[in-house]
Amino acid sequence: MDLPVQRTSNFPWLALVVLCTGQLMMSLTRTSVNVALPTVQQSLGFSSANLVWVVNAYVIPFGGLLLLAGRLGDLVGRKSVFITGIALFSAASLLCGFASTEGMLIVFRFIQGVGGAVASACILGMVATMHSDPRKQAQAIGAYSFASAGGGRHRPAARGRSHRLGQLELDLLH
């Protein structure tokens, strides 16, 4: 089955770098906050019972909205949905870094999950339809796969270092 070709840019490799960077951000964010949980608990005064919501507030909307966001991308355009998702995700990430209470952090993580779902839902579709040449298409999908797997592979070492340096804001920004 051939996929419809929809060029997302006059510079498809630049677009691929942007999409893969977005995917890398989503991959890093899914569980990287786990390393910072002890510091979050201490800094913001979270109870052990409420600490789980720092993770769940991201994962629940991400998983719940992924299919809906993909369909929205099909209906109104993947590029605009992707840009909206990245903007929402980035703004929420910044706000997470400045959260000063339990409630603020949980709300911002929820918004971050919504933005992550909206952006992630469109990335693979855009990558897969970027090239009509099967060889270039395979290379683009390989780059996407590398970004997806690479974020999970390097996350523990990178997050552990920044956590040990006491940079809670950097941990929460991703």
N, C-alpha and C. Protein backbone atom coordinates (compact mmCIF):
# COMPACT_ATOMS: atom_id res chain seq x y z
N MET A 1 0.84 -1.17 0.00
CA MET A 1 0.00 0.00 0.00
C MET A 1 0.89 1.24 0.00
N ASP A 2 0.72 2.09 -0.96
CA ASP A 2 1.50 3.32 -1.05
C ASP A 2 0.84 4.41 -0.22
N LEU A 3 1.67 5.13 0.50
CA LEU A 3 1.18 6.26 1.28
C LEU A 3 1.10 7.49 0.39
N PRO A 4 0.13 8.37 0.62
CA PRO A 4 0.08 9.60 -0.16
C PRO A 4 1.27 10.48 0.15
N VAL A 5 1.80 11.10 -0.86
CA VAL A 5 2.97 11.96 -0.67
C VAL A 5 2.48 13.37 -0.39
N GLN A 6 2.88 13.89 0.75
CA GLN A 6 2.56 15.26 1.13
C GLN A 6 3.83 15.89 1.62
N ARG A 7 4.44 16.71 0.81
CA ARG A 7 5.68 17.35 1.23
C ARG A 7 5.36 18.38 2.29
N THR A 8 6.11 18.33 3.37
CA THR A 8 5.88 19.25 4.47
C THR A 8 6.74 20.51 4.37
N SER A 9 7.69 20.51 3.42
CA SER A 9 8.62 21.62 3.33
C SER A 9 9.37 21.55 2.01
N ASN A 10 9.91 22.67 1.58
CA ASN A 10 10.80 22.67 0.42
C ASN A 10 12.18 22.13 0.81
N PHE A 11 12.41 22.00 2.09
CA PHE A 11 13.65 21.48 2.63
C PHE A 11 13.31 20.26 3.48
N PRO A 12 13.07 19.10 2.84
CA PRO A 12 12.58 17.95 3.60
C PRO A 12 13.54 17.47 4.67
N TRP A 13 14.84 17.61 4.46
CA TRP A 13 15.77 17.11 5.49
C TRP A 13 15.79 18.05 6.70
N LEU A 14 15.60 19.33 6.47
CA LEU A 14 15.48 20.26 7.60
C LEU A 14 14.19 19.96 8.38
N ALA A 15 13.12 19.72 7.64
CA ALA A 15 11.86 19.34 8.30
C ALA A 15 12.03 18.05 9.09
N LEU A 16 12.79 17.11 8.55
CA LEU A 16 13.03 15.85 9.25
C LEU A 16 13.78 16.08 10.56
N VAL A 17 14.75 16.98 10.54
CA VAL A 17 15.50 17.30 11.77
C VAL A 17 14.55 17.90 12.82
N VAL A 18 13.67 18.78 12.40
CA VAL A 18 12.71 19.38 13.33
C VAL A 18 11.78 18.31 13.90
N LEU A 19 11.27 17.44 13.04
CA LEU A 19 10.37 16.39 13.50
C LEU A 19 11.07 15.41 14.43
N CYS A 20 12.29 15.03 14.08
CA CYS A 20 13.04 14.09 14.93
C CYS A 20 13.40 14.73 16.27
N THR A 21 13.69 16.01 16.27
CA THR A 21 13.96 16.71 17.52
C THR A 21 12.71 16.72 18.40
N GLY A 22 11.56 16.95 17.78
CA GLY A 22 10.30 16.88 18.52
C GLY A 22 10.07 15.50 19.09
N GLN A 23 10.34 14.47 18.29
CA GLN A 23 10.16 13.10 18.77
C GLN A 23 11.14 12.79 19.90
N LEU A 24 12.35 13.28 19.78
CA LEU A 24 13.35 13.07 20.84
C LEU A 24 12.88 13.73 22.14
N MET A 25 12.31 14.92 22.04
CA MET A 25 11.78 15.60 23.23
C MET A 25 10.69 14.76 23.89
N MET A 26 9.79 14.21 23.07
CA MET A 26 8.70 13.39 23.63
C MET A 26 9.25 12.12 24.27
N SER A 27 10.25 11.54 23.63
CA SER A 27 10.84 10.31 24.16
C SER A 27 11.57 10.57 25.48
N LEU A 28 12.25 11.67 25.58
CA LEU A 28 12.96 12.02 26.82
C LEU A 28 12.01 12.34 27.96
N THR A 29 10.88 12.93 27.61
CA THR A 29 9.96 13.42 28.64
C THR A 29 9.16 12.32 29.31
N ARG A 30 8.87 11.26 28.60
CA ARG A 30 7.92 10.26 29.12
C ARG A 30 8.24 9.80 30.53
N THR A 31 9.48 9.51 30.81
CA THR A 31 9.79 9.01 32.17
C THR A 31 10.98 9.69 32.82
N SER A 32 11.53 10.71 32.19
CA SER A 32 12.74 11.33 32.75
C SER A 32 12.50 11.97 34.11
N VAL A 33 11.29 12.37 34.37
CA VAL A 33 11.01 13.01 35.65
C VAL A 33 11.19 12.04 36.82
N ASN A 34 11.19 10.74 36.54
CA ASN A 34 11.36 9.76 37.62
C ASN A 34 12.65 9.97 38.40
N VAL A 35 13.69 10.38 37.72
CA VAL A 35 14.97 10.61 38.38
C VAL A 35 14.87 11.79 39.35
N ALA A 36 14.05 12.75 39.03
CA ALA A 36 13.93 13.96 39.84
C ALA A 36 12.89 13.86 40.94
N LEU A 37 12.15 12.76 41.00
CA LEU A 37 11.07 12.66 41.99
C LEU A 37 11.50 12.91 43.43
N PRO A 38 12.63 12.37 43.89
CA PRO A 38 13.03 12.67 45.28
C PRO A 38 13.25 14.17 45.52
N THR A 39 13.86 14.83 44.55
CA THR A 39 14.09 16.27 44.69
C THR A 39 12.78 17.04 44.61
N VAL A 40 11.88 16.61 43.72
CA VAL A 40 10.57 17.24 43.62
C VAL A 40 9.84 17.11 44.94
N GLN A 41 9.88 15.93 45.52
CA GLN A 41 9.20 15.69 46.78
C GLN A 41 9.73 16.60 47.88
N GLN A 42 11.04 16.72 47.92
CA GLN A 42 11.67 17.53 48.96
C GLN A 42 11.45 19.03 48.70
N SER A 43 11.63 19.47 47.47
CA SER A 43 11.54 20.90 47.14
C SER A 43 10.13 21.46 47.23
N LEU A 44 9.15 20.69 46.77
CA LEU A 44 7.79 21.20 46.74
C LEU A 44 6.91 20.64 47.85
N GLY A 45 7.48 19.78 48.68
CA GLY A 45 6.73 19.25 49.81
C GLY A 45 5.65 18.25 49.44
N PHE A 46 5.85 17.50 48.40
CA PHE A 46 4.88 16.48 48.00
C PHE A 46 4.81 15.37 49.03
N SER A 47 3.61 14.89 49.28
CA SER A 47 3.47 13.68 50.09
C SER A 47 3.76 12.49 49.18
N SER A 48 4.08 11.37 49.77
CA SER A 48 4.36 10.17 48.97
C SER A 48 3.16 9.77 48.12
N ALA A 49 1.97 9.96 48.66
CA ALA A 49 0.75 9.61 47.93
C ALA A 49 0.54 10.51 46.71
N ASN A 50 0.87 11.77 46.81
CA ASN A 50 0.65 12.70 45.70
C ASN A 50 1.79 12.71 44.70
N LEU A 51 2.94 12.18 45.06
CA LEU A 51 4.11 12.21 44.18
C LEU A 51 3.86 11.45 42.88
N VAL A 52 3.08 10.40 42.94
CA VAL A 52 2.79 9.61 41.74
C VAL A 52 2.07 10.44 40.68
N TRP A 53 1.38 11.50 41.11
CA TRP A 53 0.66 12.34 40.15
C TRP A 53 1.58 13.19 39.29
N VAL A 54 2.82 13.36 39.70
CA VAL A 54 3.77 14.08 38.84
C VAL A 54 3.98 13.29 37.54
N VAL A 55 4.05 11.98 37.65
CA VAL A 55 4.21 11.12 36.48
C VAL A 55 2.87 10.91 35.79
N ASN A 56 1.84 10.56 36.55
CA ASN A 56 0.53 10.26 35.97
C ASN A 56 -0.10 11.44 35.26
N ALA A 57 0.16 12.64 35.74
CA ALA A 57 -0.43 13.83 35.12
C ALA A 57 0.06 14.02 33.70
N TYR A 58 1.21 13.46 33.36
CA TYR A 58 1.70 13.51 31.98
C TYR A 58 1.22 12.30 31.18
N VAL A 59 1.33 11.13 31.77
CA VAL A 59 1.07 9.88 31.04
C VAL A 59 -0.40 9.72 30.68
N ILE A 60 -1.30 10.09 31.55
CA ILE A 60 -2.72 9.89 31.29
C ILE A 60 -3.22 10.69 30.09
N PRO A 61 -3.00 12.01 30.02
CA PRO A 61 -3.46 12.72 28.81
C PRO A 61 -2.69 12.32 27.56
N PHE A 62 -1.40 11.99 27.73
CA PHE A 62 -0.61 11.58 26.56
C PHE A 62 -1.22 10.34 25.92
N GLY A 63 -1.43 9.32 26.72
CA GLY A 63 -1.99 8.08 26.19
C GLY A 63 -3.44 8.23 25.75
N GLY A 64 -4.20 9.00 26.48
CA GLY A 64 -5.61 9.16 26.18
C GLY A 64 -5.91 9.98 24.95
N LEU A 65 -5.05 10.92 24.63
CA LEU A 65 -5.33 11.83 23.51
C LEU A 65 -4.56 11.50 22.23
N LEU A 66 -3.71 10.50 22.25
CA LEU A 66 -2.87 10.20 21.10
C LEU A 66 -3.69 9.89 19.85
N LEU A 67 -4.67 9.02 19.95
CA LEU A 67 -5.49 8.67 18.78
C LEU A 67 -6.34 9.85 18.31
N LEU A 68 -6.93 10.56 19.26
CA LEU A 68 -7.74 11.72 18.90
C LEU A 68 -6.90 12.78 18.20
N ALA A 69 -5.71 13.01 18.71
CA ALA A 69 -4.82 14.00 18.10
C ALA A 69 -4.38 13.56 16.70
N GLY A 70 -4.15 12.27 16.51
CA GLY A 70 -3.81 11.77 15.17
C GLY A 70 -4.94 12.01 14.18
N ARG A 71 -6.15 11.75 14.61
CA ARG A 71 -7.31 11.99 13.75
C ARG A 71 -7.47 13.48 13.46
N LEU A 72 -7.25 14.30 14.47
CA LEU A 72 -7.31 15.75 14.27
C LEU A 72 -6.29 16.19 13.23
N GLY A 73 -5.08 15.59 13.29
CA GLY A 73 -4.06 15.89 12.29
C GLY A 73 -4.50 15.50 10.89
N ASP A 74 -5.21 14.38 10.77
CA ASP A 74 -5.73 13.96 9.46
C ASP A 74 -6.78 14.93 8.94
N LEU A 75 -7.58 15.48 9.83
CA LEU A 75 -8.68 16.35 9.42
C LEU A 75 -8.26 17.78 9.12
N VAL A 76 -7.40 18.35 9.97
CA VAL A 76 -7.08 19.78 9.81
C VAL A 76 -5.66 20.03 9.32
N GLY A 77 -4.86 19.00 9.24
CA GLY A 77 -3.49 19.16 8.75
C GLY A 77 -2.47 18.83 9.82
N ARG A 78 -1.58 17.93 9.47
CA ARG A 78 -0.59 17.46 10.44
C ARG A 78 0.37 18.55 10.88
N LYS A 79 0.76 19.40 9.94
CA LYS A 79 1.74 20.44 10.27
C LYS A 79 1.20 21.40 11.32
N SER A 80 -0.01 21.87 11.14
CA SER A 80 -0.57 22.82 12.11
C SER A 80 -0.81 22.16 13.46
N VAL A 81 -1.23 20.90 13.46
CA VAL A 81 -1.44 20.19 14.72
C VAL A 81 -0.11 19.96 15.42
N PHE A 82 0.92 19.58 14.65
CA PHE A 82 2.26 19.38 15.22
C PHE A 82 2.79 20.67 15.85
N ILE A 83 2.68 21.77 15.14
CA ILE A 83 3.19 23.05 15.65
C ILE A 83 2.43 23.46 16.92
N THR A 84 1.12 23.27 16.92
CA THR A 84 0.32 23.56 18.10
C THR A 84 0.76 22.70 19.29
N GLY A 85 0.97 21.41 19.04
CA GLY A 85 1.40 20.51 20.10
C GLY A 85 2.76 20.87 20.66
N ILE A 86 3.71 21.18 19.78
CA ILE A 86 5.06 21.55 20.23
C ILE A 86 5.02 22.85 21.03
N ALA A 87 4.22 23.81 20.58
CA ALA A 87 4.11 25.08 21.31
C ALA A 87 3.52 24.85 22.70
N LEU A 88 2.46 24.06 22.77
CA LEU A 88 1.83 23.76 24.05
C LEU A 88 2.77 22.98 24.97
N PHE A 89 3.44 21.99 24.41
CA PHE A 89 4.39 21.19 25.17
C PHE A 89 5.53 22.05 25.71
N SER A 90 6.09 22.89 24.87
CA SER A 90 7.22 23.73 25.27
C SER A 90 6.83 24.74 26.34
N ALA A 91 5.67 25.37 26.17
CA ALA A 91 5.20 26.33 27.18
C ALA A 91 4.96 25.63 28.52
N ALA A 92 4.35 24.46 28.47
CA ALA A 92 4.09 23.72 29.72
C ALA A 92 5.39 23.25 30.35
N SER A 93 6.36 22.87 29.54
CA SER A 93 7.66 22.45 30.08
C SER A 93 8.32 23.59 30.82
N LEU A 94 8.27 24.77 30.24
CA LEU A 94 8.84 25.95 30.89
C LEU A 94 8.12 26.23 32.22
N LEU A 95 6.81 26.16 32.18
CA LEU A 95 6.04 26.40 33.40
C LEU A 95 6.32 25.35 34.47
N CYS A 96 6.56 24.10 34.07
CA CYS A 96 6.93 23.05 35.04
C CYS A 96 8.21 23.42 35.78
N GLY A 97 9.13 24.01 35.06
CA GLY A 97 10.39 24.40 35.69
C GLY A 97 10.23 25.50 36.72
N PHE A 98 9.16 26.28 36.60
CA PHE A 98 8.93 27.38 37.54
C PHE A 98 7.82 27.07 38.54
N ALA A 99 7.27 25.88 38.53
CA ALA A 99 6.19 25.53 39.45
C ALA A 99 6.69 25.62 40.89
N SER A 100 5.85 26.19 41.75
CA SER A 100 6.26 26.36 43.14
C SER A 100 5.36 25.61 44.12
N THR A 101 4.32 24.98 43.61
CA THR A 101 3.43 24.19 44.47
C THR A 101 3.11 22.86 43.80
N GLU A 102 2.58 21.95 44.60
CA GLU A 102 2.17 20.64 44.09
C GLU A 102 1.16 20.79 42.96
N GLY A 103 0.14 21.56 43.23
CA GLY A 103 -0.95 21.74 42.26
C GLY A 103 -0.48 22.32 40.94
N MET A 104 0.39 23.32 41.02
CA MET A 104 0.90 23.93 39.80
C MET A 104 1.66 22.91 38.97
N LEU A 105 2.53 22.15 39.59
CA LEU A 105 3.32 21.17 38.86
C LEU A 105 2.43 20.11 38.21
N ILE A 106 1.44 19.64 38.93
CA ILE A 106 0.55 18.61 38.38
C ILE A 106 -0.24 19.16 37.20
N VAL A 107 -0.75 20.37 37.30
CA VAL A 107 -1.50 20.97 36.19
C VAL A 107 -0.59 21.19 34.98
N PHE A 108 0.61 21.69 35.21
CA PHE A 108 1.53 21.93 34.10
C PHE A 108 1.98 20.63 33.45
N ARG A 109 2.17 19.57 34.25
CA ARG A 109 2.52 18.27 33.67
C ARG A 109 1.35 17.72 32.85
N PHE A 110 0.12 17.96 33.27
CA PHE A 110 -1.05 17.54 32.50
C PHE A 110 -1.06 18.25 31.14
N ILE A 111 -0.85 19.55 31.16
CA ILE A 111 -0.82 20.33 29.92
C ILE A 111 0.33 19.85 29.04
N GLN A 112 1.46 19.53 29.64
CA GLN A 112 2.61 19.00 28.91
C GLN A 112 2.23 17.68 28.23
N GLY A 113 1.49 16.83 28.91
CA GLY A 113 1.04 15.57 28.32
C GLY A 113 0.10 15.79 27.14
N VAL A 114 -0.78 16.76 27.25
CA VAL A 114 -1.68 17.09 26.13
C VAL A 114 -0.86 17.56 24.93
N GLY A 115 0.07 18.47 25.16
CA GLY A 115 0.92 18.95 24.07
C GLY A 115 1.76 17.84 23.46
N GLY A 116 2.29 16.97 24.30
CA GLY A 116 3.09 15.85 23.81
C GLY A 116 2.28 14.91 22.95
N ALA A 117 1.05 14.63 23.34
CA ALA A 117 0.18 13.75 22.55
C ALA A 117 -0.16 14.38 21.21
N VAL A 118 -0.48 15.66 21.23
CA VAL A 118 -0.86 16.36 20.00
C VAL A 118 0.32 16.38 19.02
N ALA A 119 1.51 16.67 19.51
CA ALA A 119 2.69 16.72 18.63
C ALA A 119 3.09 15.33 18.16
N SER A 120 3.16 14.38 19.08
CA SER A 120 3.63 13.03 18.73
C SER A 120 2.73 12.32 17.75
N ALA A 121 1.45 12.59 17.82
CA ALA A 121 0.49 11.90 16.97
C ALA A 121 0.74 12.16 15.49
N CYS A 122 1.32 13.28 15.16
CA CYS A 122 1.48 13.65 13.75
C CYS A 122 2.88 13.40 13.21
N ILE A 123 3.85 13.19 14.06
CA ILE A 123 5.24 13.13 13.61
C ILE A 123 5.48 11.99 12.63
N LEU A 124 5.12 10.77 12.97
CA LEU A 124 5.41 9.64 12.09
C LEU A 124 4.69 9.78 10.75
N GLY A 125 3.45 10.24 10.77
CA GLY A 125 2.72 10.45 9.52
C GLY A 125 3.42 11.46 8.62
N MET A 126 3.96 12.50 9.20
CA MET A 126 4.67 13.51 8.41
C MET A 126 5.98 12.94 7.87
N VAL A 127 6.68 12.18 8.69
CA VAL A 127 7.95 11.59 8.26
C VAL A 127 7.71 10.59 7.13
N ALA A 128 6.68 9.76 7.28
CA ALA A 128 6.42 8.71 6.30
C ALA A 128 5.98 9.25 4.94
N THR A 129 5.37 10.40 4.92
CA THR A 129 4.89 10.96 3.65
C THR A 129 5.78 12.07 3.10
N MET A 130 6.92 12.25 3.69
CA MET A 130 7.81 13.34 3.31
C MET A 130 8.48 13.11 1.94
N HIS A 131 8.77 11.87 1.61
CA HIS A 131 9.50 11.55 0.38
C HIS A 131 8.72 10.55 -0.46
N SER A 132 8.80 10.71 -1.78
CA SER A 132 8.18 9.73 -2.67
C SER A 132 9.16 8.62 -3.03
N ASP A 133 10.45 8.90 -2.96
CA ASP A 133 11.47 7.89 -3.24
C ASP A 133 11.54 6.92 -2.06
N PRO A 134 11.33 5.61 -2.31
CA PRO A 134 11.34 4.63 -1.21
C PRO A 134 12.63 4.62 -0.40
N ARG A 135 13.76 4.84 -1.05
CA ARG A 135 15.04 4.84 -0.33
C ARG A 135 15.11 6.01 0.65
N LYS A 136 14.75 7.20 0.19
CA LYS A 136 14.76 8.37 1.06
C LYS A 136 13.71 8.25 2.16
N GLN A 137 12.59 7.65 1.81
CA GLN A 137 11.54 7.43 2.80
C GLN A 137 12.04 6.49 3.91
N ALA A 138 12.74 5.44 3.52
CA ALA A 138 13.29 4.51 4.50
C ALA A 138 14.34 5.20 5.38
N GLN A 139 15.14 6.07 4.80
CA GLN A 139 16.13 6.81 5.58
C GLN A 139 15.45 7.74 6.58
N ALA A 140 14.38 8.38 6.15
CA ALA A 140 13.65 9.29 7.04
C ALA A 140 13.02 8.52 8.19
N ILE A 141 12.43 7.37 7.91
CA ILE A 141 11.82 6.56 8.96
C ILE A 141 12.90 6.01 9.89
N GLY A 142 14.06 5.70 9.35
CA GLY A 142 15.19 5.27 10.18
C GLY A 142 15.64 6.37 11.13
N ALA A 143 15.67 7.61 10.65
CA ALA A 143 16.05 8.74 11.51
C ALA A 143 15.01 8.92 12.62
N TYR A 144 13.74 8.79 12.26
CA TYR A 144 12.67 8.88 13.25
C TYR A 144 12.83 7.79 14.31
N SER A 145 13.10 6.57 13.87
CA SER A 145 13.27 5.44 14.79
C SER A 145 14.46 5.67 15.72
N PHE A 146 15.53 6.21 15.17
CA PHE A 146 16.71 6.52 15.97
C PHE A 146 16.38 7.56 17.04
N ALA A 147 15.63 8.60 16.65
CA ALA A 147 15.25 9.64 17.62
C ALA A 147 14.36 9.05 18.71
N SER A 148 13.44 8.18 18.32
CA SER A 148 12.54 7.56 19.31
C SER A 148 13.31 6.68 20.28
N ALA A 149 14.15 5.83 19.75
CA ALA A 149 14.91 4.91 20.59
C ALA A 149 16.05 5.62 21.32
N GLY A 150 16.66 6.59 20.67
CA GLY A 150 17.79 7.31 21.25
C GLY A 150 17.41 8.07 22.51
N GLY A 151 16.22 8.63 22.54
CA GLY A 151 15.78 9.35 23.73
C GLY A 151 15.65 8.43 24.92
N GLY A 152 15.14 7.24 24.69
CA GLY A 152 15.01 6.28 25.77
C GLY A 152 16.34 5.71 26.21
N ARG A 153 17.26 5.58 25.28
CA ARG A 153 18.57 4.99 25.58
C ARG A 153 19.44 5.92 26.41
N HIS A 154 19.43 7.21 26.10
CA HIS A 154 20.33 8.15 26.75
C HIS A 154 19.69 8.90 27.91
N ARG A 155 18.44 8.71 28.11
CA ARG A 155 17.73 9.43 29.17
C ARG A 155 18.31 9.19 30.56
N PRO A 156 18.52 7.94 30.99
CA PRO A 156 18.97 7.75 32.39
C PRO A 156 20.29 8.44 32.71
N ALA A 157 21.25 8.36 31.82
CA ALA A 157 22.55 8.98 32.09
C ALA A 157 22.43 10.50 32.11
N ALA A 158 21.73 11.06 31.13
CA ALA A 158 21.61 12.51 31.06
C ALA A 158 20.82 13.05 32.24
N ARG A 159 19.71 12.42 32.57
CA ARG A 159 18.88 12.88 33.68
C ARG A 159 19.60 12.69 35.01
N GLY A 160 20.31 11.61 35.16
CA GLY A 160 21.02 11.37 36.40
C GLY A 160 22.07 12.43 36.66
N ARG A 161 22.79 12.83 35.61
CA ARG A 161 23.81 13.87 35.76
C ARG A 161 23.17 15.20 36.15
N SER A 162 22.12 15.60 35.45
CA SER A 162 21.53 16.90 35.76
C SER A 162 20.89 16.88 37.14
N HIS A 163 20.35 15.74 37.54
CA HIS A 163 19.76 15.64 38.88
C HIS A 163 20.83 15.77 39.95
N ARG A 164 21.96 15.10 39.74
CA ARG A 164 23.04 15.18 40.73
C ARG A 164 23.57 16.60 40.85
N LEU A 165 23.47 17.37 39.78
CA LEU A 165 23.93 18.75 39.83
C LEU A 165 22.90 19.66 40.48
N GLY A 166 21.75 19.10 40.82
CA GLY A 166 20.72 19.88 41.49
C GLY A 166 19.94 20.78 40.57
N GLN A 167 19.87 20.46 39.31
CA GLN A 167 19.16 21.29 38.35
C GLN A 167 17.75 20.76 38.13
N LEU A 168 16.92 20.88 39.13
CA LEU A 168 15.56 20.38 39.07
C LEU A 168 14.81 20.97 37.89
N GLU A 169 15.00 22.26 37.62
CA GLU A 169 14.28 22.90 36.53
C GLU A 169 14.59 22.24 35.20
N LEU A 170 15.86 21.87 34.97
CA LEU A 170 16.21 21.21 33.72
C LEU A 170 15.58 19.83 33.62
N ASP A 171 15.48 19.12 34.71
CA ASP A 171 14.83 17.81 34.71
C ASP A 171 13.37 17.95 34.32
N LEU A 172 12.70 18.95 34.83
CA LEU A 172 11.29 19.10 34.57
C LEU A 172 11.00 19.72 33.21
N LEU A 173 11.96 20.41 32.63
CA LEU A 173 11.75 20.99 31.32
C LEU A 173 11.65 19.94 30.24
N HIS A 174 12.15 18.76 30.50
CA HIS A 174 12.05 17.68 29.52
C HIS A 174 11.30 16.59 30.13
